[in-house]
PDB file of N, CA and C in Angstrom:
ATOM      1  N   MET A   1       3.409 -10.392  -6.082  1.00  0.00           N
ATOM      2  CA  MET A   1       4.300 -11.016  -5.149  1.00  0.00           C
ATOM      3  C   MET A   1       3.467 -11.866  -4.191  1.00  0.00           C
ATOM      4  N   PHE A   2       3.880 -13.100  -3.975  1.00  0.00           N
ATOM      5  CA  PHE A   2       3.223 -13.957  -2.994  1.00  0.00           C
ATOM      6  C   PHE A   2       4.175 -14.172  -1.821  1.00  0.00           C
ATOM      7  N   VAL A   3       3.606 -14.112  -0.629  1.00  0.00           N
ATOM      8  CA  VAL A   3       4.354 -14.355   0.608  1.00  0.00           C
ATOM      9  C   VAL A   3       3.700 -15.536   1.299  1.00  0.00           C
ATOM     10  N   VAL A   4       4.517 -16.533   1.686  1.00  0.00           N
ATOM     11  CA  VAL A   4       3.995 -17.704   2.383  1.00  0.00           C
ATOM     12  C   VAL A   4       4.820 -17.905   3.653  1.00  0.00           C
ATOM     13  N   ASP A   5       4.166 -17.776   4.802  1.00  0.00           N
ATOM     14  CA  ASP A   5       4.835 -17.999   6.090  1.00  0.00           C
ATOM     15  C   ASP A   5       3.789 -18.304   7.142  1.00  0.00           C
ATOM     16  N   ASP A   6       4.059 -19.277   7.974  1.00  0.00           N
ATOM     17  CA  ASP A   6       3.100 -19.659   9.010  1.00  0.00           C
ATOM     18  C   ASP A   6       3.279 -18.872  10.301  1.00  0.00           C
ATOM     19  N   ASP A   7       4.311 -18.055  10.377  1.00  0.00           N
ATOM     20  CA  ASP A   7       4.546 -17.219  11.558  1.00  0.00           C
ATOM     21  C   ASP A   7       4.043 -15.809  11.255  1.00  0.00           C
ATOM     22  N   PRO A   8       2.982 -15.366  11.942  1.00  0.00           N
ATOM     23  CA  PRO A   8       2.391 -14.056  11.626  1.00  0.00           C
ATOM     24  C   PRO A   8       3.367 -12.880  11.750  1.00  0.00           C
ATOM     25  N   LEU A   9       4.285 -12.934  12.713  1.00  0.00           N
ATOM     26  CA  LEU A   9       5.234 -11.826  12.868  1.00  0.00           C
ATOM     27  C   LEU A   9       6.247 -11.783  11.732  1.00  0.00           C
ATOM     28  N   VAL A  10       6.732 -12.937  11.309  1.00  0.00           N
ATOM     29  CA  VAL A  10       7.665 -12.981  10.187  1.00  0.00           C
ATOM     30  C   VAL A  10       6.952 -12.548   8.913  1.00  0.00           C
ATOM     31  N   MET A  11       5.710 -13.028   8.728  1.00  0.00           N
ATOM     32  CA  MET A  11       4.944 -12.627   7.555  1.00  0.00           C
ATOM     33  C   MET A  11       4.762 -11.112   7.520  1.00  0.00           C
ATOM     34  N   LEU A  12       4.424 -10.542   8.649  1.00  0.00           N
ATOM     35  CA  LEU A  12       4.239  -9.091   8.721  1.00  0.00           C
ATOM     36  C   LEU A  12       5.534  -8.355   8.368  1.00  0.00           C
ATOM     37  N   THR A  13       6.661  -8.852   8.840  1.00  0.00           N
ATOM     38  CA  THR A  13       7.954  -8.246   8.532  1.00  0.00           C
ATOM     39  C   THR A  13       8.230  -8.294   7.034  1.00  0.00           C
ATOM     40  N   ILE A  14       7.974  -9.445   6.417  1.00  0.00           N
ATOM     41  CA  ILE A  14       8.200  -9.586   4.976  1.00  0.00           C
ATOM     42  C   ILE A  14       7.231  -8.700   4.198  1.00  0.00           C
ATOM     43  N   GLU A  15       5.967  -8.695   4.594  1.00  0.00           N
ATOM     44  CA  GLU A  15       4.975  -7.857   3.917  1.00  0.00           C
ATOM     45  C   GLU A  15       5.364  -6.380   3.992  1.00  0.00           C
ATOM     46  N   GLN A  16       5.780  -5.935   5.160  1.00  0.00           N
ATOM     47  CA  GLN A  16       6.178  -4.532   5.329  1.00  0.00           C
ATOM     48  C   GLN A  16       7.399  -4.204   4.479  1.00  0.00           C
ATOM     49  N   ALA A  17       8.354  -5.127   4.424  1.00  0.00           N
ATOM     50  CA  ALA A  17       9.537  -4.911   3.590  1.00  0.00           C
ATOM     51  C   ALA A  17       9.144  -4.762   2.123  1.00  0.00           C
ATOM     52  N   LEU A  18       8.277  -5.635   1.658  1.00  0.00           N
ATOM     53  CA  LEU A  18       7.837  -5.559   0.264  1.00  0.00           C
ATOM     54  C   LEU A  18       7.088  -4.262  -0.014  1.00  0.00           C
ATOM     55  N   GLU A  19       6.204  -3.875   0.913  1.00  0.00           N
ATOM     56  CA  GLU A  19       5.475  -2.613   0.743  1.00  0.00           C
ATOM     57  C   GLU A  19       6.441  -1.443   0.706  1.00  0.00           C
ATOM     58  N   ASP A  20       7.425  -1.439   1.600  1.00  0.00           N
ATOM     59  CA  ASP A  20       8.422  -0.364   1.613  1.00  0.00           C
ATOM     60  C   ASP A  20       9.215  -0.330   0.307  1.00  0.00           C
ATOM     61  N   GLY A  21       9.381  -1.496  -0.307  1.00  0.00           N
ATOM     62  CA  GLY A  21      10.090  -1.575  -1.582  1.00  0.00           C
ATOM     63  C   GLY A  21       9.203  -1.308  -2.790  1.00  0.00           C
ATOM     64  N   GLY A  22       7.924  -1.032  -2.539  1.00  0.00           N
ATOM     65  CA  GLY A  22       7.004  -0.709  -3.621  1.00  0.00           C
ATOM     66  C   GLY A  22       6.348  -1.910  -4.282  1.00  0.00           C
ATOM     67  N   PHE A  23       6.411  -3.073  -3.622  1.00  0.00           N
ATOM     68  CA  PHE A  23       5.829  -4.290  -4.186  1.00  0.00           C
ATOM     69  C   PHE A  23       4.482  -4.594  -3.544  1.00  0.00           C
ATOM     70  N   ALA A  24       3.473  -4.839  -4.380  1.00  0.00           N
ATOM     71  CA  ALA A  24       2.184  -5.313  -3.884  1.00  0.00           C
ATOM     72  C   ALA A  24       2.326  -6.804  -3.599  1.00  0.00           C
ATOM     73  N   HIS A  25       1.500  -7.319  -2.685  1.00  0.00           N
ATOM     74  CA  HIS A  25       1.632  -8.727  -2.319  1.00  0.00           C
ATOM     75  C   HIS A  25       0.295  -9.329  -1.930  1.00  0.00           C
ATOM     76  N   LYS A  26       0.260 -10.650  -2.002  1.00  0.00           N
ATOM     77  CA  LYS A  26      -0.829 -11.457  -1.459  1.00  0.00           C
ATOM     78  C   LYS A  26      -0.150 -12.477  -0.562  1.00  0.00           C
ATOM     79  N   SER A  27      -0.792 -12.815   0.556  1.00  0.00           N
ATOM     80  CA  SER A  27      -0.138 -13.669   1.538  1.00  0.00           C
ATOM     81  C   SER A  27      -0.943 -14.911   1.854  1.00  0.00           C
ATOM     82  N   ALA A  28      -0.210 -15.957   2.244  1.00  0.00           N
ATOM     83  CA  ALA A  28      -0.804 -17.222   2.662  1.00  0.00           C
ATOM     84  C   ALA A  28      -0.023 -17.724   3.872  1.00  0.00           C
ATOM     85  N   SER A  29      -0.725 -18.389   4.782  1.00  0.00           N
ATOM     86  CA  SER A  29      -0.065 -18.884   5.985  1.00  0.00           C
ATOM     87  C   SER A  29       0.178 -20.394   5.950  1.00  0.00           C
ATOM     88  N   SER A  30      -0.105 -21.029   4.821  1.00  0.00           N
ATOM     89  CA  SER A  30       0.141 -22.463   4.684  1.00  0.00           C
ATOM     90  C   SER A  30       0.358 -22.803   3.215  1.00  0.00           C
ATOM     91  N   ALA A  31       0.876 -23.999   2.977  1.00  0.00           N
ATOM     92  CA  ALA A  31       1.069 -24.451   1.602  1.00  0.00           C
ATOM     93  C   ALA A  31      -0.267 -24.579   0.878  1.00  0.00           C
ATOM     94  N   ALA A  32      -1.289 -25.050   1.588  1.00  0.00           N
ATOM     95  CA  ALA A  32      -2.613 -25.196   0.968  1.00  0.00           C
ATOM     96  C   ALA A  32      -3.159 -23.839   0.530  1.00  0.00           C
ATOM     97  N   GLU A  33      -3.024 -22.826   1.397  1.00  0.00           N
ATOM     98  CA  GLU A  33      -3.471 -21.477   1.021  1.00  0.00           C
ATOM     99  C   GLU A  33      -2.648 -20.949  -0.148  1.00  0.00           C
ATOM    100  N   ALA A  34      -1.364 -21.237  -0.160  1.00  0.00           N
ATOM    101  CA  ALA A  34      -0.505 -20.794  -1.257  1.00  0.00           C
ATOM    102  C   ALA A  34      -0.954 -21.421  -2.574  1.00  0.00           C
ATOM    103  N   ASN A  35      -1.261 -22.696  -2.552  1.00  0.00           N
ATOM    104  CA  ASN A  35      -1.746 -23.365  -3.766  1.00  0.00           C
ATOM    105  C   ASN A  35      -3.045 -22.747  -4.256  1.00  0.00           C
ATOM    106  N   ASP A  36      -3.921 -22.360  -3.324  1.00  0.00           N
ATOM    107  CA  ASP A  36      -5.161 -21.682  -3.705  1.00  0.00           C
ATOM    108  C   ASP A  36      -4.864 -20.336  -4.362  1.00  0.00           C
ATOM    109  N   LEU A  37      -3.898 -19.598  -3.802  1.00  0.00           N
ATOM    110  CA  LEU A  37      -3.505 -18.308  -4.382  1.00  0.00           C
ATOM    111  C   LEU A  37      -2.983 -18.498  -5.802  1.00  0.00           C
ATOM    112  N   PHE A  38      -2.118 -19.486  -5.981  1.00  0.00           N
ATOM    113  CA  PHE A  38      -1.572 -19.725  -7.310  1.00  0.00           C
ATOM    114  C   PHE A  38      -2.653 -20.128  -8.295  1.00  0.00           C
ATOM    115  N   ALA A  39      -3.600 -20.924  -7.837  1.00  0.00           N
ATOM    116  CA  ALA A  39      -4.698 -21.332  -8.720  1.00  0.00           C
ATOM    117  C   ALA A  39      -5.520 -20.123  -9.158  1.00  0.00           C
ATOM    118  N   GLU A  40      -5.706 -19.176  -8.245  1.00  0.00           N
ATOM    119  CA  GLU A  40      -6.529 -18.005  -8.544  1.00  0.00           C
ATOM    120  C   GLU A  40      -5.754 -16.886  -9.234  1.00  0.00           C
ATOM    121  N   PHE A  41      -4.530 -16.608  -8.758  1.00  0.00           N
ATOM    122  CA  PHE A  41      -3.790 -15.435  -9.233  1.00  0.00           C
ATOM    123  C   PHE A  41      -2.425 -15.774  -9.824  1.00  0.00           C
ATOM    124  N   GLY A  42      -2.114 -17.052 -10.010  1.00  0.00           N
ATOM    125  CA  GLY A  42      -0.768 -17.469 -10.406  1.00  0.00           C
ATOM    126  C   GLY A  42      -0.180 -16.724 -11.574  1.00  0.00           C
ATOM    127  N   GLY A  43      -0.990 -16.443 -12.584  1.00  0.00           N
ATOM    128  CA  GLY A  43      -0.491 -15.726 -13.746  1.00  0.00           C
ATOM    129  C   GLY A  43      -0.062 -14.309 -13.447  1.00  0.00           C
ATOM    130  N   GLY A  44      -0.577 -13.733 -12.363  1.00  0.00           N
ATOM    131  CA  GLY A  44      -0.228 -12.370 -12.000  1.00  0.00           C
ATOM    132  C   GLY A  44       0.870 -12.273 -10.961  1.00  0.00           C
ATOM    133  N   CYS A  45       1.436 -13.399 -10.582  1.00  0.00           N
ATOM    134  CA  CYS A  45       2.477 -13.404  -9.557  1.00  0.00           C
ATOM    135  C   CYS A  45       3.833 -13.089 -10.176  1.00  0.00           C
ATOM    136  N   ARG A  46       4.517 -12.096  -9.631  1.00  0.00           N
ATOM    137  CA  ARG A  46       5.837 -11.707 -10.143  1.00  0.00           C
ATOM    138  C   ARG A  46       6.968 -12.422  -9.422  1.00  0.00           C
ATOM    139  N   ALA A  47       6.740 -12.848  -8.166  1.00  0.00           N
ATOM    140  CA  ALA A  47       7.784 -13.529  -7.387  1.00  0.00           C
ATOM    141  C   ALA A  47       7.141 -14.188  -6.181  1.00  0.00           C
ATOM    142  N   LEU A  48       7.871 -15.130  -5.598  1.00  0.00           N
ATOM    143  CA  LEU A  48       7.425 -15.855  -4.418  1.00  0.00           C
ATOM    144  C   LEU A  48       8.469 -15.715  -3.325  1.00  0.00           C
ATOM    145  N   VAL A  49       8.013 -15.340  -2.123  1.00  0.00           N
ATOM    146  CA  VAL A  49       8.858 -15.349  -0.930  1.00  0.00           C
ATOM    147  C   VAL A  49       8.209 -16.338   0.020  1.00  0.00           C
ATOM    148  N   THR A  50       8.915 -17.427   0.326  1.00  0.00           N
ATOM    149  CA  THR A  50       8.320 -18.466   1.160  1.00  0.00           C
ATOM    150  C   THR A  50       9.251 -18.934   2.262  1.00  0.00           C
ATOM    151  N   ASP A  51       8.665 -19.158   3.420  1.00  0.00           N
ATOM    152  CA  ASP A  51       9.368 -19.822   4.500  1.00  0.00           C
ATOM    153  C   ASP A  51       9.558 -21.271   4.074  1.00  0.00           C
ATOM    154  N   VAL A  52      10.609 -21.909   4.538  1.00  0.00           N
ATOM    155  CA  VAL A  52      10.835 -23.313   4.208  1.00  0.00           C
ATOM    156  C   VAL A  52       9.987 -24.210   5.091  1.00  0.00           C
ATOM    157  N   ASN A  53       9.998 -23.960   6.387  1.00  0.00           N
ATOM    158  CA  ASN A  53       9.258 -24.799   7.331  1.00  0.00           C
ATOM    159  C   ASN A  53       7.913 -24.154   7.630  1.00  0.00           C
ATOM    160  N   LEU A  54       6.874 -24.732   7.043  1.00  0.00           N
ATOM    161  CA  LEU A  54       5.540 -24.153   7.171  1.00  0.00           C
ATOM    162  C   LEU A  54       4.688 -24.820   8.247  1.00  0.00           C
ATOM    163  N   GLY A  55       5.272 -25.721   9.018  1.00  0.00           N
ATOM    164  CA  GLY A  55       4.553 -26.303  10.142  1.00  0.00           C
ATOM    165  C   GLY A  55       3.472 -27.284   9.770  1.00  0.00           C
ATOM    166  N   GLU A  56       3.553 -27.874   8.594  1.00  0.00           N
ATOM    167  CA  GLU A  56       2.571 -28.861   8.153  1.00  0.00           C
ATOM    168  C   GLU A  56       3.268 -29.850   7.250  1.00  0.00           C
ATOM    169  N   GLU A  57       2.508 -30.688   6.558  1.00  0.00           N
ATOM    170  CA  GLU A  57       3.114 -31.728   5.728  1.00  0.00           C
ATOM    171  C   GLU A  57       3.879 -31.169   4.533  1.00  0.00           C
ATOM    172  N   ALA A  58       3.430 -30.107   3.921  1.00  0.00           N
ATOM    173  CA  ALA A  58       4.119 -29.495   2.790  1.00  0.00           C
ATOM    174  C   ALA A  58       5.087 -28.430   3.284  1.00  0.00           C
ATOM    175  N   THR A  59       6.160 -28.238   2.540  1.00  0.00           N
ATOM    176  CA  THR A  59       7.191 -27.273   2.908  1.00  0.00           C
ATOM    177  C   THR A  59       7.249 -26.144   1.886  1.00  0.00           C
ATOM    178  N   GLY A  60       8.051 -25.163   2.174  1.00  0.00           N
ATOM    179  CA  GLY A  60       8.306 -24.105   1.205  1.00  0.00           C
ATOM    180  C   GLY A  60       8.984 -24.637  -0.045  1.00  0.00           C
ATOM    181  N   TRP A  61       9.791 -25.702   0.115  1.00  0.00           N
ATOM    182  CA  TRP A  61      10.388 -26.341  -1.059  1.00  0.00           C
ATOM    183  C   TRP A  61       9.266 -26.816  -1.993  1.00  0.00           C
ATOM    184  N   ASP A  62       8.244 -27.462  -1.393  1.00  0.00           N
ATOM    185  CA  ASP A  62       7.108 -27.981  -2.170  1.00  0.00           C
ATOM    186  C   ASP A  62       6.323 -26.846  -2.827  1.00  0.00           C
ATOM    187  N   VAL A  63       6.098 -25.781  -2.070  1.00  0.00           N
ATOM    188  CA  VAL A  63       5.350 -24.630  -2.594  1.00  0.00           C
ATOM    189  C   VAL A  63       6.059 -24.064  -3.822  1.00  0.00           C
ATOM    190  N   ALA A  64       7.369 -23.899  -3.724  1.00  0.00           N
ATOM    191  CA  ALA A  64       8.126 -23.329  -4.846  1.00  0.00           C
ATOM    192  C   ALA A  64       8.122 -24.256  -6.060  1.00  0.00           C
ATOM    193  N   ARG A  65       8.271 -25.551  -5.836  1.00  0.00           N
ATOM    194  CA  ARG A  65       8.233 -26.488  -6.968  1.00  0.00           C
ATOM    195  C   ARG A  65       6.873 -26.433  -7.673  1.00  0.00           C
ATOM    196  N   SER A  66       5.795 -26.397  -6.899  1.00  0.00           N
ATOM    197  CA  SER A  66       4.458 -26.298  -7.497  1.00  0.00           C
ATOM    198  C   SER A  66       4.301 -25.002  -8.275  1.00  0.00           C
ATOM    199  N   ALA A  67       4.783 -23.911  -7.706  1.00  0.00           N
ATOM    200  CA  ALA A  67       4.688 -22.610  -8.370  1.00  0.00           C
ATOM    201  C   ALA A  67       5.483 -22.605  -9.668  1.00  0.00           C
ATOM    202  N   ARG A  68       6.649 -23.218  -9.634  1.00  0.00           N
ATOM    203  CA  ARG A  68       7.484 -23.280 -10.830  1.00  0.00           C
ATOM    204  C   ARG A  68       6.871 -24.167 -11.914  1.00  0.00           C
ATOM    205  N   GLU A  69       6.037 -25.129 -11.536  1.00  0.00           N
ATOM    206  CA  GLU A  69       5.343 -25.927 -12.548  1.00  0.00           C
ATOM    207  C   GLU A  69       4.386 -25.051 -13.349  1.00  0.00           C
ATOM    208  N   MET A  70       3.796 -24.061 -12.693  1.00  0.00           N
ATOM    209  CA  MET A  70       2.872 -23.148 -13.370  1.00  0.00           C
ATOM    210  C   MET A  70       3.615 -22.028 -14.086  1.00  0.00           C
ATOM    211  N   ASN A  71       4.742 -21.601 -13.507  1.00  0.00           N
ATOM    212  CA  ASN A  71       5.528 -20.509 -14.080  1.00  0.00           C
ATOM    213  C   ASN A  71       7.008 -20.853 -13.911  1.00  0.00           C
ATOM    214  N   PRO A  72       7.618 -21.483 -14.915  1.00  0.00           N
ATOM    215  CA  PRO A  72       8.994 -21.968 -14.795  1.00  0.00           C
ATOM    216  C   PRO A  72      10.050 -20.904 -14.509  1.00  0.00           C
ATOM    217  N   SER A  73       9.762 -19.649 -14.791  1.00  0.00           N
ATOM    218  CA  SER A  73      10.750 -18.598 -14.551  1.00  0.00           C
ATOM    219  C   SER A  73      10.435 -17.753 -13.308  1.00  0.00           C
ATOM    220  N   LEU A  74       9.481 -18.195 -12.494  1.00  0.00           N
ATOM    221  CA  LEU A  74       9.082 -17.429 -11.313  1.00  0.00           C
ATOM    222  C   LEU A  74      10.259 -17.245 -10.358  1.00  0.00           C
ATOM    223  N   PRO A  75      10.598 -16.002 -10.008  1.00  0.00           N
ATOM    224  CA  PRO A  75      11.645 -15.768  -9.013  1.00  0.00           C
ATOM    225  C   PRO A  75      11.195 -16.278  -7.639  1.00  0.00           C
ATOM    226  N   VAL A  76      12.082 -16.998  -6.945  1.00  0.00           N
ATOM    227  CA  VAL A  76      11.762 -17.571  -5.643  1.00  0.00           C
ATOM    228  C   VAL A  76      12.819 -17.164  -4.628  1.00  0.00           C
ATOM    229  N   VAL A  77      12.337 -16.656  -3.478  1.00  0.00           N
ATOM    230  CA  VAL A  77      13.195 -16.347  -2.338  1.00  0.00           C
ATOM    231  C   VAL A  77      12.726 -17.215  -1.180  1.00  0.00           C
ATOM    232  N   TYR A  78      13.640 -18.019  -0.647  1.00  0.00           N
ATOM    233  CA  TYR A  78      13.343 -18.840   0.525  1.00  0.00           C
ATOM    234  C   TYR A  78      13.837 -18.123   1.770  1.00  0.00           C
ATOM    235  N   VAL A  79      13.091 -18.276   2.861  1.00  0.00           N
ATOM    236  CA  VAL A  79      13.490 -17.742   4.158  1.00  0.00           C
ATOM    237  C   VAL A  79      13.491 -18.917   5.130  1.00  0.00           C
ATOM    238  N   THR A  80      14.574 -19.080   5.889  1.00  0.00           N
ATOM    239  CA  THR A  80      14.635 -20.199   6.825  1.00  0.00           C
ATOM    240  C   THR A  80      15.553 -19.900   8.001  1.00  0.00           C
ATOM    241  N   GLY A  81      15.230 -20.541   9.102  1.00  0.00           N
ATOM    242  CA  GLY A  81      16.070 -20.430  10.286  1.00  0.00           C
ATOM    243  C   GLY A  81      16.939 -21.644  10.495  1.00  0.00           C
ATOM    244  N   ASP A  82      16.593 -22.756   9.824  1.00  0.00           N
ATOM    245  CA  ASP A  82      17.352 -23.976  10.108  1.00  0.00           C
ATOM    246  C   ASP A  82      17.487 -24.943   8.939  1.00  0.00           C
ATOM    247  N   SER A  83      17.069 -24.570   7.760  1.00  0.00           N
ATOM    248  CA  SER A  83      17.088 -25.512   6.639  1.00  0.00           C
ATOM    249  C   SER A  83      18.004 -25.088   5.503  1.00  0.00           C
ATOM    250  N   SER A  84      18.897 -24.160   5.752  1.00  0.00           N
ATOM    251  CA  SER A  84      19.752 -23.667   4.665  1.00  0.00           C
ATOM    252  C   SER A  84      20.632 -24.770   4.087  1.00  0.00           C
ATOM    253  N   HIS A  85      20.984 -25.752   4.893  1.00  0.00           N
ATOM    254  CA  HIS A  85      21.827 -26.845   4.412  1.00  0.00           C
ATOM    255  C   HIS A  85      21.121 -27.694   3.344  1.00  0.00           C
ATOM    256  N   ASP A  86      19.806 -27.623   3.245  1.00  0.00           N
ATOM    257  CA  ASP A  86      19.042 -28.388   2.260  1.00  0.00           C
ATOM    258  C   ASP A  86      18.783 -27.624   0.960  1.00  0.00           C
ATOM    259  N   TRP A  87      19.190 -26.366   0.910  1.00  0.00           N
ATOM    260  CA  TRP A  87      18.843 -25.509  -0.225  1.00  0.00           C
ATOM    261  C   TRP A  87      19.326 -26.072  -1.561  1.00  0.00           C
ATOM    262  N   ARG A  88      20.562 -26.487  -1.638  1.00  0.00           N
ATOM    263  CA  ARG A  88      21.106 -26.988  -2.905  1.00  0.00           C
ATOM    264  C   ARG A  88      20.333 -28.210  -3.398  1.00  0.00           C
ATOM    265  N   ALA A  89      19.925 -29.083  -2.497  1.00  0.00           N
ATOM    266  CA  ALA A  89      19.219 -30.308  -2.884  1.00  0.00           C
ATOM    267  C   ALA A  89      17.724 -30.088  -3.085  1.00  0.00           C
ATOM    268  N   GLN A  90      17.113 -29.203  -2.289  1.00  0.00           N
ATOM    269  CA  GLN A  90      15.657 -29.046  -2.290  1.00  0.00           C
ATOM    270  C   GLN A  90      15.162 -27.801  -3.019  1.00  0.00           C
ATOM    271  N   GLY A  91      15.957 -26.760  -3.074  1.00  0.00           N
ATOM    272  CA  GLY A  91      15.513 -25.496  -3.660  1.00  0.00           C
ATOM    273  C   GLY A  91      15.418 -25.555  -5.175  1.00  0.00           C
ATOM    274  N   VAL A  92      14.562 -24.717  -5.730  1.00  0.00           N
ATOM    275  CA  VAL A  92      14.457 -24.642  -7.184  1.00  0.00           C
ATOM    276  C   VAL A  92      15.659 -23.880  -7.733  1.00  0.00           C
ATOM    277  N   PRO A  93      16.050 -24.155  -8.983  1.00  0.00           N
ATOM    278  CA  PRO A  93      17.187 -23.445  -9.581  1.00  0.00           C
ATOM    279  C   PRO A  93      16.955 -21.937  -9.619  1.00  0.00           C
ATOM    280  N   ASP A  94      18.057 -21.212  -9.563  1.00  0.00           N
ATOM    281  CA  ASP A  94      18.047 -19.748  -9.665  1.00  0.00           C
ATOM    282  C   ASP A  94      17.170 -19.093  -8.604  1.00  0.00           C
ATOM    283  N   SER A  95      17.218 -19.633  -7.394  1.00  0.00           N
ATOM    284  CA  SER A  95      16.501 -19.048  -6.262  1.00  0.00           C
ATOM    285  C   SER A  95      17.524 -18.434  -5.312  1.00  0.00           C
ATOM    286  N   ILE A  96      17.019 -17.724  -4.331  1.00  0.00           N
ATOM    287  CA  ILE A  96      17.871 -17.119  -3.304  1.00  0.00           C
ATOM    288  C   ILE A  96      17.363 -17.586  -1.945  1.00  0.00           C
ATOM    289  N   LEU A  97      18.285 -17.861  -1.037  1.00  0.00           N
ATOM    290  CA  LEU A  97      17.923 -18.254   0.320  1.00  0.00           C
ATOM    291  C   LEU A  97      18.427 -17.193   1.291  1.00  0.00           C
ATOM    292  N   ILE A  98      17.542 -16.775   2.189  1.00  0.00           N
ATOM    293  CA  ILE A  98      17.886 -15.808   3.232  1.00  0.00           C
ATOM    294  C   ILE A  98      17.697 -16.494   4.573  1.00  0.00           C
ATOM    295  N   GLU A  99      18.730 -16.433   5.403  1.00  0.00           N
ATOM    296  CA  GLU A  99      18.640 -17.061   6.716  1.00  0.00           C
ATOM    297  C   GLU A  99      18.081 -16.089   7.744  1.00  0.00           C
ATOM    298  N   LYS A 100      17.253 -16.632   8.645  1.00  0.00           N
ATOM    299  CA  LYS A 100      16.732 -15.862   9.770  1.00  0.00           C
ATOM    300  C   LYS A 100      17.790 -15.842  10.861  1.00  0.00           C
ATOM    301  N   PRO A 101      17.905 -14.781  11.593  1.00  0.00           N
ATOM    302  CA  PRO A 101      17.152 -13.534  11.456  1.00  0.00           C
ATOM    303  C   PRO A 101      17.679 -12.731  10.266  1.00  0.00           C
ATOM    304  N   PHE A 102      16.804 -11.974   9.657  1.00  0.00           N
ATOM    305  CA  PHE A 102      17.161 -11.173   8.500  1.00  0.00           C
ATOM    306  C   PHE A 102      16.691  -9.746   8.726  1.00  0.00           C
ATOM    307  N   VAL A 103      17.181  -8.851   7.885  1.00  0.00           N
ATOM    308  CA  VAL A 103      16.693  -7.470   7.901  1.00  0.00           C
ATOM    309  C   VAL A 103      15.864  -7.262   6.642  1.00  0.00           C
ATOM    310  N   ALA A 104      14.942  -6.339   6.708  1.00  0.00           N
ATOM    311  CA  ALA A 104      14.000  -6.106   5.612  1.00  0.00           C
ATOM    312  C   ALA A 104      14.709  -5.863   4.283  1.00  0.00           C
ATOM    313  N   ALA A 105      15.816  -5.162   4.308  1.00  0.00           N
ATOM    314  CA  ALA A 105      16.528  -4.852   3.065  1.00  0.00           C
ATOM    315  C   ALA A 105      16.975  -6.114   2.333  1.00  0.00           C
ATOM    316  N   GLN A 106      17.250  -7.186   3.064  1.00  0.00           N
ATOM    317  CA  GLN A 106      17.648  -8.431   2.411  1.00  0.00           C
ATOM    318  C   GLN A 106      16.523  -8.975   1.534  1.00  0.00           C
ATOM    319  N   ILE A 107      15.297  -8.862   2.011  1.00  0.00           N
ATOM    320  CA  ILE A 107      14.149  -9.340   1.240  1.00  0.00           C
ATOM    321  C   ILE A 107      14.002  -8.520  -0.041  1.00  0.00           C
ATOM    322  N   ILE A 108      14.022  -7.211   0.101  1.00  0.00           N
ATOM    323  CA  ILE A 108      13.873  -6.325  -1.057  1.00  0.00           C
ATOM    324  C   ILE A 108      15.006  -6.559  -2.055  1.00  0.00           C
ATOM    325  N   ASN A 109      16.237  -6.650  -1.569  1.00  0.00           N
ATOM    326  CA  ASN A 109      17.379  -6.852  -2.462  1.00  0.00           C
ATOM    327  C   ASN A 109      17.291  -8.189  -3.195  1.00  0.00           C
ATOM    328  N   ALA A 110      16.870  -9.236  -2.500  1.00  0.00           N
ATOM    329  CA  ALA A 110      16.753 -10.558  -3.126  1.00  0.00           C
ATOM    330  C   ALA A 110      15.691 -10.541  -4.218  1.00  0.00           C
ATOM    331  N   VAL A 111      14.521 -10.004  -3.902  1.00  0.00           N
ATOM    332  CA  VAL A 111      13.437  -9.946  -4.887  1.00  0.00           C
ATOM    333  C   VAL A 111      13.860  -9.092  -6.084  1.00  0.00           C
ATOM    334  N   ALA A 112      14.408  -7.932  -5.822  1.00  0.00           N
ATOM    335  CA  ALA A 112      14.830  -7.045  -6.908  1.00  0.00           C
ATOM    336  C   ALA A 112      15.908  -7.696  -7.765  1.00  0.00           C
ATOM    337  N   SER A 113      16.839  -8.372  -7.151  1.00  0.00           N
ATOM    338  CA  SER A 113      17.903  -9.047  -7.886  1.00  0.00           C
ATOM    339  C   SER A 113      17.334 -10.112  -8.824  1.00  0.00           C
ATOM    340  N   LEU A 114      16.414 -10.926  -8.324  1.00  0.00           N
ATOM    341  CA  LEU A 114      15.813 -11.965  -9.156  1.00  0.00           C
ATOM    342  C   LEU A 114      14.954 -11.365 -10.267  1.00  0.00           C
ATOM    343  N   LEU A 115      14.208 -10.325  -9.962  1.00  0.00           N
ATOM    344  CA  LEU A 115      13.380  -9.688 -10.989  1.00  0.00           C
ATOM    345  C   LEU A 115      14.254  -9.047 -12.065  1.00  0.00           C
ATOM    346  N   ASN A 116      15.359  -8.424 -11.652  1.00  0.00           N
ATOM    347  CA  ASN A 116      16.274  -7.825 -12.621  1.00  0.00           C
ATOM    348  C   ASN A 116      16.933  -8.883 -13.491  1.00  0.00           C
ATOM    349  N   THR A 117      17.279 -10.021 -12.907  1.00  0.00           N
ATOM    350  CA  THR A 117      17.864 -11.120 -13.670  1.00  0.00           C
ATOM    351  C   THR A 117      16.866 -11.639 -14.685  1.00  0.00           C
ATOM    352  N   GLU A 118      15.610 -11.784 -14.261  1.00  0.00           N
ATOM    353  CA  GLU A 118      14.559 -12.270 -15.161  1.00  0.00           C
ATOM    354  C   GLU A 118      14.373 -11.304 -16.324  1.00  0.00           C
ATOM    355  N   THR A 119      14.380 -10.004 -16.048  1.00  0.00           N
ATOM    356  CA  THR A 119      14.234  -9.004 -17.101  1.00  0.00           C
ATOM    357  C   THR A 119      15.399  -9.056 -18.059  1.00  0.00           C
ATOM    358  N   THR A 120      16.602  -9.210 -17.557  1.00  0.00           N
ATOM    359  CA  THR A 120      17.795  -9.281 -18.384  1.00  0.00           C
ATOM    360  C   THR A 120      17.746 -10.497 -19.297  1.00  0.00           C
ATOM    361  N   LEU A 121      17.260 -11.620 -18.788  1.00  0.00           N
ATOM    362  CA  LEU A 121      17.186 -12.832 -19.588  1.00  0.00           C
ATOM    363  C   LEU A 121      16.178 -12.704 -20.734  1.00  0.00           C
ATOM    364  N   ARG A 122      15.154 -11.896 -20.555  1.00  0.00           N
ATOM    365  CA  ARG A 122      14.131 -11.732 -21.593  1.00  0.00           C
ATOM    366  C   ARG A 122      14.585 -10.820 -22.717  1.00  0.00           C
ATOM    367  N   THR A 123      15.541  -9.921 -22.444  1.00  0.00           N
ATOM    368  CA  THR A 123      15.931  -8.945 -23.472  1.00  0.00           C
ATOM    369  C   THR A 123      17.097  -9.414 -24.291  1.00  0.00           C
TER     370      THR A 123
END
């Protein structure tokens, strides 16, 4: 599981939720760090949870598109406080968007739902 968020408190909340749900994770605080993670560990990534607004030139939309180029079936969960209206146009297909503020269970449920869908499609 990869987590990308430029806000340390939000990242910590997402990381804790994933740990509570039994998911291991690697984290990045920028799109550039996320790209480095994918280059190094991309094949081992089961899902991506990314903030949309990363506070730099690249966005979570960009991070997810790049990740999907390497793994077209990668489950993607977007987290945003103000960009939900762009999800249909900018988000990758078969992704989930969670609006801030959120509760930890929403993250776990979204990831589990996408992973279960991916498993169902393979069988």
